[in-house]
Amino acid sequence: MKAIRIEHPGQGYGLAVAEIERPSPAPGEVLIRVAAAGLNRADLAQAMGMYPPPPGAPETLGMEVSGEVAALGDGVRSCEIGDAVCALIPGGGYAEYATASALCVLPVPNGVSVVDAAALPEAHFTVWTNLIDSARLKPGESVLIHGGSSGVGTAAIQLCAARGHRVFTTAGSADKCAACERLGAATAINYRQTDFVEVVRAETEGRGVDVVLDMVGGDYIQRNMSAAAPWGRIANIAYQSGMSATVNFAPMLMKRLSLLATTLRSRTLAEKGAIRDALLRDVWPLIEAGKIKPVIDRLFPLADAQAAHARMASSEHVGKILLTL
């Protein structure tokens, strides 16, 4: 089958189409004939040699796919051959076929195309486990979502808005801020022009927000503490501006804050399965009701994976970038 191979991993990596062996589903797995694969920042990091796949995972890039079930491993009863599905996978998505644990497979929601469904798994698994499971976002609370125009950001804004939360978000241009507000953000802040801490504090009468979802890190670690309300929770999912910072922890003590950090890819199948069940119960109905939609920036054919990575590296995208087969 055709798949994308990483050539000379590192800063100047290349991506090329190669022929590799088609995988077979192990017990508890399904084989998916891939219609589309979603891009994630982790793919770029892996291609640069900075984020190796978990033990036993394919070396091929790609952590989420959509398509049609082509074969079932022993013991799988939750889906059937021919079902339209999307799935979170540990790797192998940039290919014509990919295997997924049945615990991480979701049906394509009604009203969503099988291609667009590739934009759903990674973002919604990430948003749910961080905002709901880890940060314990409660009804009536406010939230600050950094990187609002990213795949995770667009999913988080829509989920929080659909659940009735007041959403603040940051983005890097007026157009991106406008896109975030169309998705349901009450206040979108152009971080290149305005201090998000000042805006949040001014619009909450000095109280701050209850939960912060951050993928930036660096000096945002301190600034998030300033933007947080008493008993606030700050969840970090990435550190795009750096993992090191000089931090004054006094605000954490005085405000009784919680600083959280999580990853998804290396979690157990049981943990991922629990998140899948929550999405199917609480998020998929919102998608089918039209309250949450996959936000697609651009589609690239599989052979143009290099151009798709360049698009993501430029940070000009709004929503998800997909590879189609």
Protein backbone atom coordinates (compact mmCIF):
# COMPACT_ATOMS: atom_id res chain seq x y z
CA MET A 1 0.00 0.00 0.00
CA LYS A 2 1.01 3.63 -0.39
CA ALA A 3 2.20 5.50 2.69
CA ILE A 4 4.32 8.52 3.54
CA ARG A 5 7.93 7.86 4.48
CA ILE A 6 10.05 10.35 6.44
CA GLU A 7 13.28 11.02 4.56
CA HIS A 8 16.33 12.22 6.57
CA PRO A 9 14.47 13.04 9.81
CA GLY A 10 15.52 16.32 11.39
CA GLN A 11 15.08 20.02 10.77
CA GLY A 12 15.22 19.59 7.00
CA TYR A 13 13.14 16.43 6.79
CA GLY A 14 11.36 15.35 3.64
CA LEU A 15 8.14 13.41 3.11
CA ALA A 16 7.70 11.06 0.17
CA VAL A 17 5.25 8.39 -0.98
CA ALA A 18 6.55 4.85 -0.51
CA GLU A 19 5.19 1.31 -0.79
CA ILE A 20 4.93 -0.52 2.53
CA GLU A 21 3.17 -3.66 3.71
CA ARG A 22 -0.51 -3.33 4.47
CA PRO A 23 -1.17 -3.90 8.20
CA SER A 24 -3.49 -6.57 9.56
CA PRO A 25 -5.72 -5.99 12.56
CA ALA A 26 -4.63 -7.70 15.76
CA PRO A 27 -7.23 -8.98 18.23
CA GLY A 28 -9.34 -6.06 19.41
CA GLU A 29 -8.38 -3.91 16.41
CA VAL A 30 -10.04 -2.82 13.19
CA LEU A 31 -8.45 -2.18 9.81
CA ILE A 32 -9.58 1.12 8.26
CA ARG A 33 -9.43 1.95 4.57
CA VAL A 34 -8.35 5.55 5.02
CA ALA A 35 -10.32 8.37 3.40
CA ALA A 36 -8.45 11.16 5.19
CA ALA A 37 -5.84 11.69 7.89
CA GLY A 38 -5.58 14.68 10.19
CA LEU A 39 -2.36 16.62 10.70
CA ASN A 40 -1.14 17.49 14.18
CA ARG A 41 1.86 19.41 15.54
CA ALA A 42 3.10 16.11 16.95
CA ASP A 43 3.53 14.87 13.36
CA LEU A 44 5.95 17.71 12.65
CA ALA A 45 7.84 17.02 15.87
CA GLN A 46 8.09 13.32 15.01
CA ALA A 47 9.40 14.08 11.52
CA MET A 48 12.06 16.31 13.09
CA GLY A 49 13.14 13.42 15.32
CA MET A 50 11.85 15.07 18.50
CA TYR A 51 8.76 12.94 19.28
CA PRO A 52 9.17 9.22 18.60
CA PRO A 53 6.04 7.05 18.42
CA PRO A 54 5.18 4.90 21.45
CA PRO A 55 6.68 1.39 21.57
CA GLY A 56 4.93 -0.88 19.11
CA ALA A 57 3.30 1.95 17.15
CA PRO A 58 3.95 2.31 13.40
CA GLU A 59 6.78 4.61 12.33
CA THR A 60 4.47 6.13 9.72
CA LEU A 61 3.08 9.53 10.73
CA GLY A 62 -0.59 10.16 11.46
CA MET A 63 -2.52 9.98 14.73
CA GLU A 64 -6.10 10.24 13.45
CA VAL A 65 -7.97 8.94 10.43
CA SER A 66 -11.41 8.52 8.96
CA GLY A 67 -12.62 5.98 6.46
CA GLU A 68 -14.35 2.63 6.12
CA VAL A 69 -13.86 -0.48 8.22
CA ALA A 70 -12.13 -3.00 5.95
CA ALA A 71 -11.46 -5.87 8.36
CA LEU A 72 -12.05 -6.84 11.98
CA GLY A 73 -9.61 -8.40 14.41
CA ASP A 74 -10.69 -11.20 16.68
CA GLY A 75 -13.15 -10.19 19.35
CA VAL A 76 -14.35 -6.94 17.80
CA ARG A 77 -18.13 -6.59 18.08
CA SER A 78 -18.54 -2.80 18.24
CA CYS A 79 -18.46 -2.19 14.48
CA GLU A 80 -18.87 -4.02 11.21
CA ILE A 81 -17.07 -4.15 7.88
CA GLY A 82 -18.22 -1.22 5.76
CA ASP A 83 -18.97 1.11 8.69
CA ALA A 84 -17.93 4.75 8.25
CA VAL A 85 -15.69 5.57 11.19
CA CYS A 86 -13.02 7.89 12.52
CA ALA A 87 -10.36 6.87 15.00
CA LEU A 88 -7.56 7.99 17.26
CA ILE A 89 -4.44 5.94 16.54
CA PRO A 90 -0.85 5.92 17.87
CA GLY A 91 0.58 6.22 14.34
CA GLY A 92 0.24 4.99 10.78
CA GLY A 93 -2.43 7.38 9.50
CA TYR A 94 -0.58 8.76 6.47
CA ALA A 95 -1.35 5.62 4.48
CA GLU A 96 -4.03 3.85 2.47
CA TYR A 97 -4.84 1.56 5.41
CA ALA A 98 -4.38 1.93 9.16
CA THR A 99 -5.21 -0.16 12.20
CA ALA A 100 -6.96 1.19 15.29
CA SER A 101 -7.97 -0.25 18.61
CA ALA A 102 -11.72 -0.75 18.62
CA LEU A 103 -11.71 1.21 21.90
CA CYS A 104 -10.61 4.34 20.00
CA VAL A 105 -13.03 4.09 17.06
CA LEU A 106 -16.08 6.35 16.71
CA PRO A 107 -18.82 6.39 14.08
CA VAL A 108 -18.78 9.25 11.59
CA PRO A 109 -21.46 11.58 13.01
CA ASN A 110 -24.62 12.15 11.01
CA GLY A 111 -24.26 15.27 8.90
CA VAL A 112 -20.45 15.05 8.69
CA SER A 113 -18.66 13.75 5.59
CA VAL A 114 -16.32 10.82 5.98
CA VAL A 115 -13.39 13.04 4.92
CA ASP A 116 -14.20 15.87 7.34
CA ALA A 117 -14.55 13.35 10.16
CA ALA A 118 -10.76 12.95 10.17
CA ALA A 119 -10.66 16.36 11.88
CA LEU A 120 -12.57 15.10 14.93
CA PRO A 121 -10.67 12.46 16.96
CA GLU A 122 -7.41 14.05 18.14
CA ALA A 123 -8.91 17.47 18.84
CA HIS A 124 -11.94 16.20 20.73
CA PHE A 125 -10.08 13.53 22.70
CA THR A 126 -7.61 16.24 23.73
CA VAL A 127 -10.20 18.87 24.57
CA TRP A 128 -12.41 16.54 26.58
CA THR A 129 -9.69 14.93 28.67
CA ASN A 130 -8.08 18.27 29.49
CA LEU A 131 -11.03 20.58 30.03
CA ILE A 132 -13.56 18.14 31.45
CA ASP A 133 -11.57 15.27 33.00
CA SER A 134 -8.45 17.09 34.22
CA ALA A 135 -9.50 20.72 34.70
CA ARG A 136 -13.00 19.74 35.91
CA LEU A 137 -14.74 22.54 34.01
CA LYS A 138 -18.10 23.02 35.72
CA PRO A 139 -21.35 24.56 34.48
CA GLY A 140 -21.27 28.35 34.58
CA GLU A 141 -17.48 28.62 34.66
CA SER A 142 -15.42 30.72 32.26
CA VAL A 143 -12.51 29.49 30.17
CA LEU A 144 -9.50 30.96 28.34
CA ILE A 145 -8.41 28.96 25.30
CA HIS A 146 -5.05 29.82 23.80
CA GLY A 147 -4.43 29.05 20.14
CA GLY A 148 -8.11 29.46 19.37
CA SER A 149 -7.67 29.07 15.61
CA SER A 150 -5.87 25.72 15.88
CA GLY A 151 -7.56 22.38 15.47
CA VAL A 152 -7.75 21.91 19.23
CA GLY A 153 -8.72 25.55 19.74
CA THR A 154 -11.62 25.52 17.28
CA ALA A 155 -12.94 22.32 18.85
CA ALA A 156 -12.56 23.69 22.39
CA ILE A 157 -14.32 26.97 21.61
CA GLN A 158 -17.30 25.19 20.08
CA LEU A 159 -17.60 22.63 22.87
CA CYS A 160 -17.43 25.27 25.61
CA ALA A 161 -19.85 27.60 23.83
CA ALA A 162 -22.30 24.73 23.24
CA ARG A 163 -22.15 23.88 26.96
CA GLY A 164 -22.87 27.49 27.96
CA HIS A 165 -19.43 28.64 29.12
CA ARG A 166 -18.11 32.15 28.58
CA VAL A 167 -15.12 31.71 26.27
CA PHE A 168 -12.08 33.94 25.99
CA THR A 169 -9.51 33.00 23.37
CA THR A 170 -6.26 34.22 21.84
CA ALA A 171 -5.23 34.21 18.17
CA GLY A 172 -2.58 35.90 16.06
CA SER A 173 -4.55 38.09 13.64
CA ALA A 174 -7.78 40.01 13.28
CA ASP A 175 -9.09 37.45 10.79
CA LYS A 176 -8.34 34.57 13.16
CA CYS A 177 -9.99 36.40 16.03
CA ALA A 178 -13.07 36.96 13.90
CA ALA A 179 -13.15 33.25 13.03
CA CYS A 180 -12.97 32.36 16.73
CA GLU A 181 -15.86 34.66 17.55
CA ARG A 182 -17.95 33.10 14.80
CA LEU A 183 -17.34 29.74 16.48
CA GLY A 184 -18.72 31.04 19.76
CA ALA A 185 -15.93 32.85 21.61
CA ALA A 186 -17.31 35.82 23.57
CA THR A 187 -13.96 37.62 23.40
CA ALA A 188 -11.11 36.90 20.98
CA ILE A 189 -7.82 38.64 21.76
CA ASN A 190 -5.12 39.35 19.18
CA TYR A 191 -2.09 38.42 21.28
CA ARG A 192 0.24 40.29 18.91
CA GLN A 193 -1.46 43.58 19.76
CA THR A 194 -3.09 43.19 23.17
CA ASP A 195 -2.20 41.73 26.56
CA PHE A 196 -4.65 38.90 27.15
CA VAL A 197 -4.20 39.20 30.93
CA GLU A 198 -5.41 42.80 30.91
CA VAL A 199 -8.41 41.98 28.72
CA VAL A 200 -9.47 38.98 30.79
CA ARG A 201 -9.15 40.82 34.08
CA ALA A 202 -10.98 43.89 32.75
CA GLU A 203 -13.88 41.85 31.36
CA THR A 204 -14.25 39.74 34.52
CA GLU A 205 -14.05 42.72 36.89
CA GLY A 206 -10.64 41.58 38.10
CA ARG A 207 -11.68 38.03 38.95
CA GLY A 208 -10.08 36.14 36.06
CA VAL A 209 -11.14 32.90 34.37
CA ASP A 210 -11.81 29.56 36.00
CA VAL A 211 -9.95 27.38 33.51
CA VAL A 212 -7.10 28.01 31.06
CA LEU A 213 -6.22 25.65 28.20
CA ASP A 214 -2.67 26.42 27.05
CA MET A 215 -0.46 25.01 24.31
CA VAL A 216 2.06 27.88 24.33
CA GLY A 217 4.06 27.56 27.54
CA GLY A 218 7.10 29.80 27.95
CA ASP A 219 6.15 33.14 29.52
CA TYR A 220 2.45 32.22 29.23
CA ILE A 221 2.94 30.01 32.30
CA GLN A 222 3.29 33.08 34.53
CA ARG A 223 0.72 35.12 32.63
CA ASN A 224 -1.87 32.35 32.87
CA MET A 225 -1.58 32.52 36.64
CA SER A 226 -2.30 36.25 36.46
CA ALA A 227 -5.35 35.62 34.27
CA ALA A 228 -6.74 32.83 36.46
CA ALA A 229 -9.48 33.26 39.06
CA PRO A 230 -9.20 31.94 42.62
CA TRP A 231 -9.28 28.14 42.57
CA GLY A 232 -8.54 28.30 38.84
CA ARG A 233 -7.09 25.37 36.89
CA ILE A 234 -4.47 25.73 34.15
CA ALA A 235 -4.06 22.79 31.76
CA ASN A 236 -0.99 22.65 29.51
CA ILE A 237 -1.09 20.39 26.47
CA ALA A 238 2.05 21.66 24.70
CA TYR A 239 4.90 24.12 25.10
CA GLN A 240 5.34 25.67 21.66
CA SER A 241 7.17 28.69 23.11
CA GLY A 242 9.39 26.60 25.34
CA MET A 243 9.32 24.20 28.27
CA SER A 244 11.51 26.38 30.48
CA ALA A 245 10.47 29.53 32.28
CA THR A 246 11.30 31.54 35.38
CA VAL A 247 8.11 31.47 37.40
CA ASN A 248 6.94 33.24 40.54
CA PHE A 249 4.66 30.69 42.19
CA ALA A 250 3.18 33.13 44.71
CA PRO A 251 -0.02 33.57 42.66
CA MET A 252 -0.55 29.80 42.74
CA LEU A 253 -0.41 29.87 46.50
CA MET A 254 -2.48 32.99 47.01
CA LYS A 255 -5.17 32.02 44.47
CA ARG A 256 -5.08 28.30 45.29
CA LEU A 257 -4.48 27.43 41.65
CA SER A 258 -3.88 24.03 40.06
CA LEU A 259 -1.30 23.66 37.29
CA LEU A 260 -1.92 20.57 35.15
CA ALA A 261 -0.12 19.02 32.19
CA THR A 262 -1.23 16.00 30.19
CA THR A 263 -0.38 13.96 27.12
CA LEU A 264 -2.67 11.68 25.16
CA ARG A 265 -0.67 9.52 22.77
CA SER A 266 1.02 7.34 25.38
CA ARG A 267 -2.05 6.67 27.51
CA THR A 268 -3.43 3.16 27.93
CA LEU A 269 -6.15 1.88 25.66
CA ALA A 270 -8.46 1.67 28.66
CA GLU A 271 -7.97 5.39 29.36
CA LYS A 272 -8.52 6.30 25.71
CA GLY A 273 -11.57 4.07 25.59
CA ALA A 274 -13.10 5.92 28.53
CA ILE A 275 -12.59 9.23 26.71
CA ARG A 276 -14.11 7.71 23.54
CA ASP A 277 -17.19 6.68 25.51
CA ALA A 278 -17.57 10.21 26.94
CA LEU A 279 -17.30 11.74 23.47
CA LEU A 280 -19.90 9.38 22.09
CA ARG A 281 -22.22 10.20 24.97
CA ASP A 282 -21.74 13.98 25.33
CA VAL A 283 -20.05 15.41 22.23
CA TRP A 284 -21.29 13.39 19.24
CA PRO A 285 -24.92 14.47 19.89
CA LEU A 286 -23.78 18.12 19.79
CA ILE A 287 -22.05 17.47 16.45
CA GLU A 288 -25.12 15.75 15.02
CA ALA A 289 -27.25 18.68 16.21
CA GLY A 290 -24.99 21.09 14.31
CA LYS A 291 -23.74 22.84 17.45
CA ILE A 292 -20.16 21.66 16.83
CA LYS A 293 -18.67 21.29 13.35
CA PRO A 294 -15.27 20.15 12.15
CA VAL A 295 -13.38 23.24 11.02
CA ILE A 296 -11.32 22.38 7.93
CA ASP A 297 -8.56 24.71 6.81
CA ARG A 298 -7.38 22.87 3.70
CA LEU A 299 -7.27 19.45 2.06
CA PHE A 300 -4.07 18.08 0.54
CA PRO A 301 -3.65 14.84 -1.42
CA LEU A 302 -1.49 12.28 0.38
CA ALA A 303 1.36 12.87 -2.09
CA ASP A 304 1.45 16.54 -1.01
CA ALA A 305 2.13 15.77 2.64
CA GLN A 306 5.24 17.97 2.54
CA ALA A 307 3.16 20.98 1.49
CA ALA A 308 0.60 20.16 4.18
CA HIS A 309 3.35 20.18 6.80
CA ALA A 310 4.62 23.51 5.49
CA ARG A 311 1.10 24.91 5.84
CA MET A 312 0.93 23.79 9.45
CA ALA A 313 4.44 25.07 10.23
CA SER A 314 3.47 28.50 8.90
CA SER A 315 0.68 28.77 11.52
CA GLU A 316 -1.51 30.45 8.91
CA HIS A 317 -4.22 27.80 9.13
CA VAL A 318 -7.57 28.03 10.89
CA GLY A 319 -8.82 24.63 11.97
CA LYS A 320 -7.59 21.27 10.75
CA ILE A 321 -5.39 20.38 7.79
CA LEU A 322 -6.26 17.01 6.25
CA LEU A 323 -4.56 14.59 3.87
CA THR A 324 -6.95 12.82 1.53
CA LEU A 325 -6.62 9.50 -0.25
